[in-house]
Amino acid sequence: MSLLVMLQEVARAATDLAPLAKLGAALAASIAVIGAAMGISKIGASALESMARQPEAAGNIQTSMILAAAFVEGVSLFAVVVCLLVAVG
């Protein structure tokens, strides 16, 4: 059996796994979104607790909270885009 024939068989077998790759990408995207939601909720809860303890620092805490939430959202968006690229390509 030549190398070319073996590679063609492997390529045919790989195309049979396409539905599983799409399922895996969908699961990974959902896990990324759930993780981002949990992270942002933790950021918000901690920020509100901090503002309740030190009302004079509310402005600085709010700014830090918004930045941290934006970073978490950016990472989750990146993860979802990567998963969509895996599902489509």
C-alpha atoms as a PDB file:
ATOM      1  CA  MET A   1       0.000   0.000   0.000  1.00  0.00           C
ATOM      2  CA  SER A   2       1.483   3.290  -1.032  1.00  0.00           C
ATOM      3  CA  LEU A   3       1.681   6.381   1.089  1.00  0.00           C
ATOM      4  CA  LEU A   4      -0.736   8.249  -1.187  1.00  0.00           C
ATOM      5  CA  VAL A   5      -3.423   5.600  -0.754  1.00  0.00           C
ATOM      6  CA  MET A   6      -2.966   5.663   3.014  1.00  0.00           C
ATOM      7  CA  LEU A   7      -3.289   9.455   3.084  1.00  0.00           C
ATOM      8  CA  GLN A   8      -6.447   9.289   0.996  1.00  0.00           C
ATOM      9  CA  GLU A   9      -7.969   6.788   3.425  1.00  0.00           C
ATOM     10  CA  VAL A  10      -7.074   9.002   6.358  1.00  0.00           C
ATOM     11  CA  ALA A  11      -8.635  11.990   4.600  1.00  0.00           C
ATOM     12  CA  ARG A  12     -11.841  10.029   3.999  1.00  0.00           C
ATOM     13  CA  ALA A  13     -11.961   8.982   7.645  1.00  0.00           C
ATOM     14  CA  ALA A  14     -11.379  12.566   8.748  1.00  0.00           C
ATOM     15  CA  THR A  15     -14.376  13.799   6.774  1.00  0.00           C
ATOM     16  CA  ASP A  16     -16.562  11.368   8.713  1.00  0.00           C
ATOM     17  CA  LEU A  17     -15.637  13.200  11.926  1.00  0.00           C
ATOM     18  CA  ALA A  18     -16.969  16.554  10.734  1.00  0.00           C
ATOM     19  CA  PRO A  19     -20.273  16.303  12.671  1.00  0.00           C
ATOM     20  CA  LEU A  20     -18.359  15.504  15.845  1.00  0.00           C
ATOM     21  CA  ALA A  21     -16.085  18.494  15.284  1.00  0.00           C
ATOM     22  CA  LYS A  22     -19.131  20.737  14.933  1.00  0.00           C
ATOM     23  CA  LEU A  23     -20.630  19.301  18.100  1.00  0.00           C
ATOM     24  CA  GLY A  24     -17.352  19.842  19.935  1.00  0.00           C
ATOM     25  CA  ALA A  25     -17.147  23.427  18.690  1.00  0.00           C
ATOM     26  CA  ALA A  26     -20.695  24.109  19.844  1.00  0.00           C
ATOM     27  CA  LEU A  27     -19.973  22.667  23.278  1.00  0.00           C
ATOM     28  CA  ALA A  28     -16.765  24.661  23.572  1.00  0.00           C
ATOM     29  CA  ALA A  29     -18.560  27.872  22.603  1.00  0.00           C
ATOM     30  CA  SER A  30     -21.272  27.272  25.177  1.00  0.00           C
ATOM     31  CA  ILE A  31     -18.703  26.558  27.892  1.00  0.00           C
ATOM     32  CA  ALA A  32     -16.853  29.767  26.971  1.00  0.00           C
ATOM     33  CA  VAL A  33     -20.048  31.815  27.225  1.00  0.00           C
ATOM     34  CA  ILE A  34     -21.047  30.217  30.528  1.00  0.00           C
ATOM     35  CA  GLY A  35     -17.578  30.873  31.931  1.00  0.00           C
ATOM     36  CA  ALA A  36     -17.720  34.504  30.840  1.00  0.00           C
ATOM     37  CA  ALA A  37     -21.140  34.946  32.431  1.00  0.00           C
ATOM     38  CA  MET A  38     -19.882  33.490  35.697  1.00  0.00           C
ATOM     39  CA  GLY A  39     -16.787  35.708  35.593  1.00  0.00           C
ATOM     40  CA  ILE A  40     -18.730  38.894  34.930  1.00  0.00           C
ATOM     41  CA  SER A  41     -21.255  38.068  37.657  1.00  0.00           C
ATOM     42  CA  LYS A  42     -18.411  37.517  40.139  1.00  0.00           C
ATOM     43  CA  ILE A  43     -16.842  40.832  39.105  1.00  0.00           C
ATOM     44  CA  GLY A  44     -20.149  42.638  39.568  1.00  0.00           C
ATOM     45  CA  ALA A  45     -20.856  41.043  42.943  1.00  0.00           C
ATOM     46  CA  SER A  46     -17.397  41.853  44.265  1.00  0.00           C
ATOM     47  CA  ALA A  47     -17.584  45.415  42.981  1.00  0.00           C
ATOM     48  CA  LEU A  48     -20.962  46.030  44.605  1.00  0.00           C
ATOM     49  CA  GLU A  49     -19.716  44.610  47.892  1.00  0.00           C
ATOM     50  CA  SER A  50     -16.614  46.813  47.719  1.00  0.00           C
ATOM     51  CA  MET A  51     -18.683  49.917  46.945  1.00  0.00           C
ATOM     52  CA  ALA A  52     -20.960  49.146  49.878  1.00  0.00           C
ATOM     53  CA  ARG A  53     -17.961  48.917  52.208  1.00  0.00           C
ATOM     54  CA  GLN A  54     -16.178  52.014  50.856  1.00  0.00           C
ATOM     55  CA  PRO A  55     -18.609  54.393  49.158  1.00  0.00           C
ATOM     56  CA  GLU A  56     -15.884  57.021  48.696  1.00  0.00           C
ATOM     57  CA  ALA A  57     -13.983  54.690  46.344  1.00  0.00           C
ATOM     58  CA  ALA A  58     -17.032  53.834  44.216  1.00  0.00           C
ATOM     59  CA  GLY A  59     -15.754  55.675  41.137  1.00  0.00           C
ATOM     60  CA  ASN A  60     -12.433  53.852  41.029  1.00  0.00           C
ATOM     61  CA  ILE A  61     -14.069  50.499  41.744  1.00  0.00           C
ATOM     62  CA  GLN A  62     -16.656  51.022  39.024  1.00  0.00           C
ATOM     63  CA  THR A  63     -13.976  51.901  36.470  1.00  0.00           C
ATOM     64  CA  SER A  64     -11.959  48.815  37.376  1.00  0.00           C
ATOM     65  CA  MET A  65     -15.095  46.669  37.222  1.00  0.00           C
ATOM     66  CA  ILE A  66     -15.997  47.893  33.738  1.00  0.00           C
ATOM     67  CA  LEU A  67     -12.471  47.265  32.459  1.00  0.00           C
ATOM     68  CA  ALA A  68     -12.332  43.767  33.936  1.00  0.00           C
ATOM     69  CA  ALA A  69     -15.763  42.910  32.517  1.00  0.00           C
ATOM     70  CA  ALA A  70     -14.694  44.162  29.090  1.00  0.00           C
ATOM     71  CA  PHE A  71     -11.577  41.978  29.178  1.00  0.00           C
ATOM     72  CA  VAL A  72     -13.598  38.910  30.180  1.00  0.00           C
ATOM     73  CA  GLU A  73     -16.112  39.641  27.434  1.00  0.00           C
ATOM     74  CA  GLY A  74     -13.319  40.049  24.881  1.00  0.00           C
ATOM     75  CA  VAL A  75     -11.776  36.714  25.792  1.00  0.00           C
ATOM     76  CA  SER A  76     -15.136  34.960  25.582  1.00  0.00           C
ATOM     77  CA  LEU A  77     -15.867  36.557  22.215  1.00  0.00           C
ATOM     78  CA  PHE A  78     -12.484  35.362  20.961  1.00  0.00           C
ATOM     79  CA  ALA A  79     -13.276  31.825  22.164  1.00  0.00           C
ATOM     80  CA  VAL A  80     -16.661  31.841  20.442  1.00  0.00           C
ATOM     81  CA  VAL A  81     -15.127  33.073  17.168  1.00  0.00           C
ATOM     82  CA  VAL A  82     -12.481  30.327  17.294  1.00  0.00           C
ATOM     83  CA  CYS A  83     -15.201  27.730  17.900  1.00  0.00           C
ATOM     84  CA  LEU A  84     -17.242  29.069  14.986  1.00  0.00           C
ATOM     85  CA  LEU A  85     -14.191  28.882  12.744  1.00  0.00           C
ATOM     86  CA  VAL A  86     -13.706  25.250  13.749  1.00  0.00           C
ATOM     87  CA  ALA A  87     -17.374  24.493  13.084  1.00  0.00           C
ATOM     88  CA  VAL A  88     -17.406  26.161   9.659  1.00  0.00           C
ATOM     89  CA  GLY A  89     -13.941  25.218   8.461  1.00  0.00           C
END
